[in-house]
C-alpha atoms as a PDB file:
ATOM      1  CA  MET A   1       0.000   0.000   0.000  1.00  0.00           C
ATOM      2  CA  ILE A   2       1.265   3.472  -0.848  1.00  0.00           C
ATOM      3  CA  VAL A   3       1.143   5.907   2.055  1.00  0.00           C
ATOM      4  CA  TYR A   4       2.347   9.488   1.796  1.00  0.00           C
ATOM      5  CA  GLY A   5       3.238  11.577   4.800  1.00  0.00           C
ATOM      6  CA  LEU A   6       3.616  15.220   5.685  1.00  0.00           C
ATOM      7  CA  ARG A   7       5.555  16.112   8.809  1.00  0.00           C
ATOM      8  CA  GLY A   8       4.348  18.989  10.928  1.00  0.00           C
ATOM      9  CA  PHE A   9       3.794  20.252  14.432  1.00  0.00           C
ATOM     10  CA  THR A  10       0.716  20.033  16.624  1.00  0.00           C
ATOM     11  CA  HIS A  11      -1.356  23.185  16.965  1.00  0.00           C
ATOM     12  CA  HIS A  12       0.254  23.675  20.375  1.00  0.00           C
ATOM     13  CA  GLY A  13       3.538  24.024  18.488  1.00  0.00           C
ATOM     14  CA  GLY A  14       5.569  21.754  20.716  1.00  0.00           C
ATOM     15  CA  GLY A  15       4.852  18.282  19.401  1.00  0.00           C
ATOM     16  CA  ARG A  16       5.771  16.588  16.158  1.00  0.00           C
ATOM     17  CA  MET A  17       3.100  14.980  14.044  1.00  0.00           C
ATOM     18  CA  LEU A  18       2.623  13.135  10.786  1.00  0.00           C
ATOM     19  CA  THR A  19      -0.431  13.429   8.552  1.00  0.00           C
ATOM     20  CA  VAL A  20      -0.968  10.515   6.156  1.00  0.00           C
ATOM     21  CA  LEU A  21      -2.614  10.264   2.756  1.00  0.00           C
ATOM     22  CA  SER A  22      -3.168   7.256   0.479  1.00  0.00           C
ATOM     23  CA  PRO A  23      -4.631   6.708  -2.994  1.00  0.00           C
ATOM     24  CA  GLU A  24      -6.688   3.937  -1.349  1.00  0.00           C
ATOM     25  CA  GLY A  25      -8.391   6.411   0.955  1.00  0.00           C
ATOM     26  CA  ARG A  26      -8.365   7.587   4.530  1.00  0.00           C
ATOM     27  CA  SER A  27     -10.012   4.512   6.038  1.00  0.00           C
ATOM     28  CA  ALA A  28      -7.635   2.113   4.255  1.00  0.00           C
ATOM     29  CA  ALA A  29      -4.605   4.100   5.440  1.00  0.00           C
ATOM     30  CA  LEU A  30      -5.957   4.159   8.993  1.00  0.00           C
ATOM     31  CA  ALA A  31      -6.438   0.374   8.936  1.00  0.00           C
ATOM     32  CA  HIS A  32      -2.950  -0.178   7.490  1.00  0.00           C
ATOM     33  CA  VAL A  33      -0.865   2.198   9.631  1.00  0.00           C
ATOM     34  CA  LYS A  34      -1.220   0.952  13.197  1.00  0.00           C
ATOM     35  CA  CYS A  35      -0.476   3.333  16.027  1.00  0.00           C
ATOM     36  CA  THR A  36       2.449   2.225  18.174  1.00  0.00           C
ATOM     37  CA  ASP A  37       3.709   3.161  21.608  1.00  0.00           C
ATOM     38  CA  GLY A  38       4.727   6.771  21.764  1.00  0.00           C
ATOM     39  CA  LEU A  39       2.053   7.969  19.334  1.00  0.00           C
ATOM     40  CA  ARG A  40      -1.507   9.193  19.589  1.00  0.00           C
ATOM     41  CA  THR A  41      -3.834   8.702  16.617  1.00  0.00           C
ATOM     42  CA  VAL A  42      -6.123  11.569  15.682  1.00  0.00           C
ATOM     43  CA  ALA A  43      -8.717  10.254  13.222  1.00  0.00           C
ATOM     44  CA  ARG A  44     -11.841  12.316  12.664  1.00  0.00           C
ATOM     45  CA  PRO A  45     -14.480  11.895   9.955  1.00  0.00           C
ATOM     46  CA  GLY A  46     -13.747  14.027   6.914  1.00  0.00           C
ATOM     47  CA  LEU A  47     -10.129  14.722   7.888  1.00  0.00           C
ATOM     48  CA  LEU A  48      -6.893  12.946   7.076  1.00  0.00           C
ATOM     49  CA  THR A  49      -5.423  10.882   9.901  1.00  0.00           C
ATOM     50  CA  GLN A  50      -2.691  12.372  12.044  1.00  0.00           C
ATOM     51  CA  TYR A  51      -0.217  10.654  14.338  1.00  0.00           C
ATOM     52  CA  HIS A  52       0.980  12.855  17.205  1.00  0.00           C
ATOM     53  CA  GLU A  53       4.319  12.057  18.783  1.00  0.00           C
ATOM     54  CA  VAL A  54       4.187  11.474  22.522  1.00  0.00           C
ATOM     55  CA  ARG A  55       7.671   9.974  22.798  1.00  0.00           C
ATOM     56  CA  THR A  56      10.670  11.311  20.865  1.00  0.00           C
ATOM     57  CA  GLY A  57      11.488   9.234  17.789  1.00  0.00           C
ATOM     58  CA  SER A  58       8.113   7.522  17.456  1.00  0.00           C
ATOM     59  CA  VAL A  59       7.096   9.401  14.272  1.00  0.00           C
ATOM     60  CA  LYS A  60      10.403   8.461  12.650  1.00  0.00           C
ATOM     61  CA  ALA A  61       9.890   4.815  13.664  1.00  0.00           C
ATOM     62  CA  LEU A  62       6.361   4.839  12.193  1.00  0.00           C
ATOM     63  CA  ILE A  63       7.671   6.253   8.890  1.00  0.00           C
ATOM     64  CA  GLU A  64      10.300   3.537   8.707  1.00  0.00           C
ATOM     65  CA  ARG A  65       7.983   0.688   9.749  1.00  0.00           C
ATOM     66  CA  TYR A  66       5.398   1.462   7.074  1.00  0.00           C
ATOM     67  CA  ALA A  67       7.789   2.883   4.415  1.00  0.00           C
ATOM     68  CA  ILE A  68       5.791   6.098   4.369  1.00  0.00           C
ATOM     69  CA  GLU A  69       6.914   8.352   1.543  1.00  0.00           C
ATOM     70  CA  LEU A  70       7.489  11.829   2.938  1.00  0.00           C
ATOM     71  CA  LEU A  71       6.406  14.669   0.678  1.00  0.00           C
ATOM     72  CA  SER A  72       7.285  18.349   0.624  1.00  0.00           C
ATOM     73  CA  ARG A  73       4.405  20.755   1.267  1.00  0.00           C
ATOM     74  CA  GLY A  74       4.083  21.474  -2.468  1.00  0.00           C
ATOM     75  CA  ALA A  75       4.104  17.798  -3.457  1.00  0.00           C
ATOM     76  CA  TRP A  76       1.606  17.066  -0.663  1.00  0.00           C
ATOM     77  CA  GLU A  77      -0.828  19.711  -1.919  1.00  0.00           C
ATOM     78  CA  THR A  78      -0.456  18.492  -5.513  1.00  0.00           C
ATOM     79  CA  THR A  79      -0.991  14.836  -4.548  1.00  0.00           C
ATOM     80  CA  LYS A  80      -3.980  15.693  -2.353  1.00  0.00           C
ATOM     81  CA  ALA A  81      -5.557  17.708  -5.197  1.00  0.00           C
ATOM     82  CA  GLU A  82      -4.950  14.886  -7.703  1.00  0.00           C
ATOM     83  CA  LEU A  83      -6.573  12.313  -5.408  1.00  0.00           C
ATOM     84  CA  GLY A  84      -9.502  14.608  -4.624  1.00  0.00           C
ATOM     85  CA  GLU A  85     -12.364  13.082  -2.637  1.00  0.00           C
ATOM     86  CA  ALA A  86     -10.881   9.581  -2.993  1.00  0.00           C
ATOM     87  CA  ALA A  87      -8.288  10.519  -0.352  1.00  0.00           C
ATOM     88  CA  TYR A  88     -11.043  11.078   2.220  1.00  0.00           C
ATOM     89  CA  ARG A  89     -13.190   7.967   1.770  1.00  0.00           C
END
């Protein structure tokens, strides 16, 4: 399964996070990428899933475990636009 990721920071500004996107849709990505120790999953209807880092290094470990392809902000926006509504199903 192809999973793209965009690194960022929580709205509090202090924590790292990863938002994921897949051509197979939000629910398929959520089922595939399992939250591990040191992460908190934020999955809300209509939004892409985020993984918030609780323990240092856990986002990096998640990226490696699932071979998540990190995208730049521009590539992320382009990919998200190309996938359209399919990304959110």
